Every structure is written in C-alpha cells, then in structure tokens.
C-alpha atoms as a PDB file:
ATOM      1  CA  MET A   1      38.973  47.167 -16.754  1.00  0.00           C
ATOM      2  CA  GLY A   2      39.803  50.922 -16.177  1.00  0.00           C
ATOM      3  CA  SER A   3      38.522  53.772 -18.641  1.00  0.00           C
ATOM      4  CA  VAL A   4      40.513  55.022 -21.399  1.00  0.00           C
ATOM      5  CA  VAL A   5      41.078  58.460 -21.150  1.00  0.00           C
ATOM      6  CA  PRO A   6      41.996  59.984 -24.630  1.00  0.00           C
ATOM      7  CA  ALA A   7      45.338  61.954 -24.302  1.00  0.00           C
ATOM      8  CA  HIS A   8      45.268  65.254 -24.949  1.00  0.00           C
ATOM      9  CA  ARG A   9      46.781  66.579 -28.598  1.00  0.00           C
ATOM     10  CA  GLU A  10      48.232  70.166 -28.845  1.00  0.00           C
ATOM     11  CA  GLY A  11      46.596  72.954 -30.249  1.00  0.00           C
ATOM     12  CA  ALA A  12      42.998  70.326 -29.771  1.00  0.00           C
ATOM     13  CA  ARG A  13      40.002  72.385 -28.131  1.00  0.00           C
ATOM     14  CA  PRO A  14      38.851  71.996 -24.295  1.00  0.00           C
ATOM     15  CA  ILE A  15      36.006  69.800 -23.955  1.00  0.00           C
ATOM     16  CA  GLY A  16      32.787  70.388 -21.520  1.00  0.00           C
ATOM     17  CA  SER A  17      32.915  73.315 -18.895  1.00  0.00           C
ATOM     18  CA  ALA A  18      36.540  74.685 -20.257  1.00  0.00           C
ATOM     19  CA  MET A  19      35.357  75.779 -23.033  1.00  0.00           C
ATOM     20  CA  ALA A  20      32.137  77.763 -20.934  1.00  0.00           C
ATOM     21  CA  ALA A  21      34.924  79.234 -19.157  1.00  0.00           C
ATOM     22  CA  ALA A  22      36.672  80.850 -21.571  1.00  0.00           C
ATOM     23  CA  VAL A  23      34.543  83.943 -20.823  1.00  0.00           C
ATOM     24  CA  LYS A  24      35.577  85.098 -17.670  1.00  0.00           C
ATOM     25  CA  ASP A  25      32.398  87.705 -16.320  1.00  0.00           C
ATOM     26  CA  ARG A  26      29.523  86.241 -19.051  1.00  0.00           C
ATOM     27  CA  GLU A  27      27.248  86.662 -16.159  1.00  0.00           C
ATOM     28  CA  VAL A  28      27.942  89.865 -15.395  1.00  0.00           C
ATOM     29  CA  LEU A  29      28.555  90.788 -19.289  1.00  0.00           C
ATOM     30  CA  GLN A  30      24.444  89.521 -19.461  1.00  0.00           C
ATOM     31  CA  ARG A  31      23.556  92.017 -17.094  1.00  0.00           C
ATOM     32  CA  LEU A  32      25.428  94.688 -18.468  1.00  0.00           C
ATOM     33  CA  SER A  33      23.677  93.808 -22.059  1.00  0.00           C
ATOM     34  CA  PHE A  34      20.836  93.647 -20.515  1.00  0.00           C
ATOM     35  CA  LEU A  35      20.589  96.847 -18.766  1.00  0.00           C
ATOM     36  CA  PHE A  36      21.703  98.627 -22.324  1.00  0.00           C
ATOM     37  CA  GLN A  37      19.350  96.713 -23.201  1.00  0.00           C
ATOM     38  CA  ALA A  38      16.845  97.746 -21.594  1.00  0.00           C
ATOM     39  CA  ALA A  39      17.881 101.461 -21.854  1.00  0.00           C
ATOM     40  CA  HIS A  40      16.939 101.819 -25.418  1.00  0.00           C
ATOM     41  CA  TRP A  41      13.400 100.501 -24.554  1.00  0.00           C
ATOM     42  CA  VAL A  42      11.879 102.136 -21.908  1.00  0.00           C
ATOM     43  CA  LEU A  43      13.826 105.637 -23.533  1.00  0.00           C
ATOM     44  CA  PRO A  44      10.786 106.753 -25.507  1.00  0.00           C
ATOM     45  CA  HIS A  45       8.276 106.119 -21.677  1.00  0.00           C
ATOM     46  CA  SER A  46      10.875 107.186 -18.880  1.00  0.00           C
ATOM     47  CA  PRO A  47      14.422 109.506 -19.578  1.00  0.00           C
ATOM     48  CA  ALA A  48      15.331 109.236 -16.162  1.00  0.00           C
ATOM     49  CA  LEU A  49      14.792 105.348 -16.374  1.00  0.00           C
ATOM     50  CA  ALA A  50      17.160 105.111 -19.746  1.00  0.00           C
ATOM     51  CA  ARG A  51      19.904 106.929 -17.082  1.00  0.00           C
ATOM     52  CA  PHE A  52      19.810 105.054 -13.563  1.00  0.00           C
ATOM     53  CA  TYR A  53      19.707 101.331 -16.260  1.00  0.00           C
ATOM     54  CA  CYS A  54      23.215 103.181 -17.503  1.00  0.00           C
ATOM     55  CA  SER A  55      23.767 105.054 -14.570  1.00  0.00           C
ATOM     56  CA  ILE A  56      24.142 101.187 -12.904  1.00  0.00           C
ATOM     57  CA  GLN A  57      25.494 100.164 -16.104  1.00  0.00           C
ATOM     58  CA  ARG A  58      28.427 102.182 -16.090  1.00  0.00           C
ATOM     59  CA  GLY A  59      29.444 101.634 -11.542  1.00  0.00           C
ATOM     60  CA  THR A  60      28.894  98.135 -12.690  1.00  0.00           C
ATOM     61  CA  ALA A  61      31.658  97.971 -14.834  1.00  0.00           C
ATOM     62  CA  ARG A  62      33.810  99.945 -12.787  1.00  0.00           C
ATOM     63  CA  ARG A  63      33.079  98.245  -9.896  1.00  0.00           C
ATOM     64  CA  LEU A  64      34.385  95.083 -11.714  1.00  0.00           C
ATOM     65  CA  VAL A  65      37.099  96.991 -13.514  1.00  0.00           C
ATOM     66  CA  LEU A  66      35.350  95.738 -16.744  1.00  0.00           C
ATOM     67  CA  ARG A  67      36.042  97.800 -19.930  1.00  0.00           C
ATOM     68  CA  LEU A  68      32.540  98.624 -22.167  1.00  0.00           C
ATOM     69  CA  ALA A  69      32.734  98.100 -25.803  1.00  0.00           C
ATOM     70  CA  PRO A  70      33.745 101.531 -28.075  1.00  0.00           C
ATOM     71  CA  SER A  71      29.766 101.892 -29.241  1.00  0.00           C
ATOM     72  CA  VAL A  72      27.925 101.712 -26.330  1.00  0.00           C
ATOM     73  CA  LYS A  73      30.400 104.064 -24.720  1.00  0.00           C
ATOM     74  CA  ARG A  74      29.674 106.807 -27.604  1.00  0.00           C
ATOM     75  CA  THR A  75      25.541 105.878 -26.761  1.00  0.00           C
ATOM     76  CA  VAL A  76      26.021 107.146 -23.333  1.00  0.00           C
ATOM     77  CA  CYS A  77      27.338 110.483 -21.965  1.00  0.00           C
ATOM     78  CA  ARG A  78      29.669 110.442 -20.043  1.00  0.00           C
ATOM     79  CA  ARG A  79      28.371 113.271 -17.417  1.00  0.00           C
ATOM     80  CA  CYS A  80      24.787 112.571 -16.884  1.00  0.00           C
ATOM     81  CA  CYS A  81      24.712 109.362 -18.438  1.00  0.00           C
ATOM     82  CA  SER A  82      21.757 109.564 -20.921  1.00  0.00           C
ATOM     83  CA  LEU A  83      21.056 108.340 -24.341  1.00  0.00           C
ATOM     84  CA  LEU A  84      22.775 109.915 -26.944  1.00  0.00           C
ATOM     85  CA  LEU A  85      20.893 109.214 -29.964  1.00  0.00           C
ATOM     86  CA  PRO A  86      20.290 111.307 -32.694  1.00  0.00           C
ATOM     87  CA  GLY A  87      16.483 113.052 -32.139  1.00  0.00           C
ATOM     88  CA  THR A  88      15.536 111.479 -29.006  1.00  0.00           C
ATOM     89  CA  GLY A  89      18.380 112.441 -26.162  1.00  0.00           C
ATOM     90  CA  GLY A  90      21.706 113.880 -27.932  1.00  0.00           C
ATOM     91  CA  CYS A  91      22.051 115.231 -31.729  1.00  0.00           C
ATOM     92  CA  LEU A  92      24.018 114.261 -34.006  1.00  0.00           C
ATOM     93  CA  ARG A  93      26.156 116.974 -36.758  1.00  0.00           C
ATOM     94  CA  LEU A  94      28.753 116.044 -39.067  1.00  0.00           C
ATOM     95  CA  ARG A  95      31.911 119.410 -39.112  1.00  0.00           C
ATOM     96  CA  GLY A  96      34.782 119.071 -41.690  1.00  0.00           C
ATOM     97  CA  ARG A  97      37.591 121.977 -41.522  1.00  0.00           C
ATOM     98  CA  GLY A  98      40.697 120.053 -41.437  1.00  0.00           C
ATOM     99  CA  GLN A  99      39.574 116.233 -41.220  1.00  0.00           C
ATOM    100  CA  PRO A 100      36.246 115.376 -40.723  1.00  0.00           C
ATOM    101  CA  ARG A 101      34.795 114.899 -37.407  1.00  0.00           C
ATOM    102  CA  THR A 102      31.239 113.001 -35.611  1.00  0.00           C
ATOM    103  CA  VAL A 103      30.199 115.937 -32.854  1.00  0.00           C
ATOM    104  CA  LEU A 104      27.327 114.351 -30.880  1.00  0.00           C
ATOM    105  CA  HIS A 105      25.245 116.986 -28.266  1.00  0.00           C
ATOM    106  CA  CYS A 106      23.575 115.611 -25.280  1.00  0.00           C
ATOM    107  CA  GLN A 107      20.490 118.242 -25.110  1.00  0.00           C
ATOM    108  CA  SER A 108      20.321 117.196 -21.350  1.00  0.00           C
ATOM    109  CA  CYS A 109      23.355 118.492 -20.238  1.00  0.00           C
ATOM    110  CA  GLY A 110      24.602 120.142 -23.165  1.00  0.00           C
ATOM    111  CA  ARG A 111      27.961 118.760 -22.683  1.00  0.00           C
ATOM    112  CA  HIS A 112      29.766 117.564 -26.591  1.00  0.00           C
ATOM    113  CA  ARG A 113      31.616 114.388 -27.827  1.00  0.00           C
ATOM    114  CA  ARG A 114      33.982 114.410 -30.573  1.00  0.00           C
ATOM    115  CA  TYR A 115      35.197 111.509 -32.995  1.00  0.00           C
ATOM    116  CA  LEU A 116      37.502 111.986 -36.093  1.00  0.00           C
ATOM    117  CA  CYS A 117      35.317 110.319 -38.615  1.00  0.00           C
ATOM    118  CA  ALA A 118      38.407 107.646 -40.517  1.00  0.00           C
ATOM    119  CA  LYS A 119      39.975 108.360 -43.160  1.00  0.00           C
ATOM    120  CA  PRO A 120      39.467 106.205 -46.715  1.00  0.00           C
ATOM    121  CA  ARG A 121      41.905 103.436 -47.113  1.00  0.00           C
ATOM    122  CA  PRO A 122      43.485 103.677 -50.903  1.00  0.00           C
ATOM    123  CA  LEU A 123      42.368 100.902 -52.522  1.00  0.00           C
ATOM    124  CA  GLU A 124      45.296  97.929 -52.992  1.00  0.00           C
ATOM    125  CA  GLN A 125      47.366  98.028 -56.654  1.00  0.00           C
ATOM    126  CA  ALA A 126      45.789  95.656 -58.860  1.00  0.00           C
ATOM    127  CA  THR A 127      49.421  94.520 -60.372  1.00  0.00           C
ATOM    128  CA  PRO A 128      52.089  93.445 -57.999  1.00  0.00           C
ATOM    129  CA  PRO A 129      54.247  96.821 -57.119  1.00  0.00           C
ATOM    130  CA  GLY A 130      57.099  93.708 -59.299  1.00  0.00           C
ATOM    131  CA  ASP A 131      55.030  93.392 -62.480  1.00  0.00           C
ATOM    132  CA  PRO A 132      55.920  95.203 -64.895  1.00  0.00           C
ATOM    133  CA  LEU A 133      53.316  97.269 -66.862  1.00  0.00           C
END
C-alpha cells in the first residue's frame, strides 16, 4: 500500500517549511531589529556605542539591498548615524508656514530633517450621494 498524497487546491496555503520561507531574509531582518533595539537600550549609557550599532545596521541593510522601515529611517540621522530621539539625541519641532511640518534637529552634527504633516482627511458623508435628503 502506498501513502496517500492530498491533492493541492488552488488558493490553499502551503504547509510546513513553505510558510517559513515566506519572508526571504528572516535572520537578517531579526539582526537589524536587534541592532536597532540595542542602540535604543544603550543610548543613555553610551551614545557612541548607539551610533556604532546604527551604522552597522545601516551598512548591513545597504550591503544586502534591504529597505528599512520608514519609522527606523526617521529616527536615525543620515549624516552621523545617531538616534534622533527627542530629548537625548535630537530636537523635535512643529513648524507651519503654509503646510505644517515636523522638523527633527540632530544635536551631534546639526543636520535638519523636515517631514510634512499629513492633511486631515474629510469625513465621509452620512448619506450616499445619490439619495435625496
């Protein structure tokens, strides 16, 4: 007697190791996340070591051609690789001539980063446009 192999359905999820292979560079992404968390943890004790961890993280992501999350990119200075946390390594301000924006100022190298604030979305209408009031 042979073993019975189930027929694959279209749209069915893969079983076993195929699900684990969904993320291509899982170990590298875990290492990048660990370096970022380690930089946050060590920042109050040694800002130079935190900069070193951030530079290693950035270099590894560049070498392997991986994209960092926007939240990670916004908290690391592009020039000196220091963490831009308000109060410790950076200064956060809101400016607003015209369209409001957030300005991050690095305290170690003096570089400014400007991000536009999102416009508030209009509320959806309570009644559909085709219905009479």
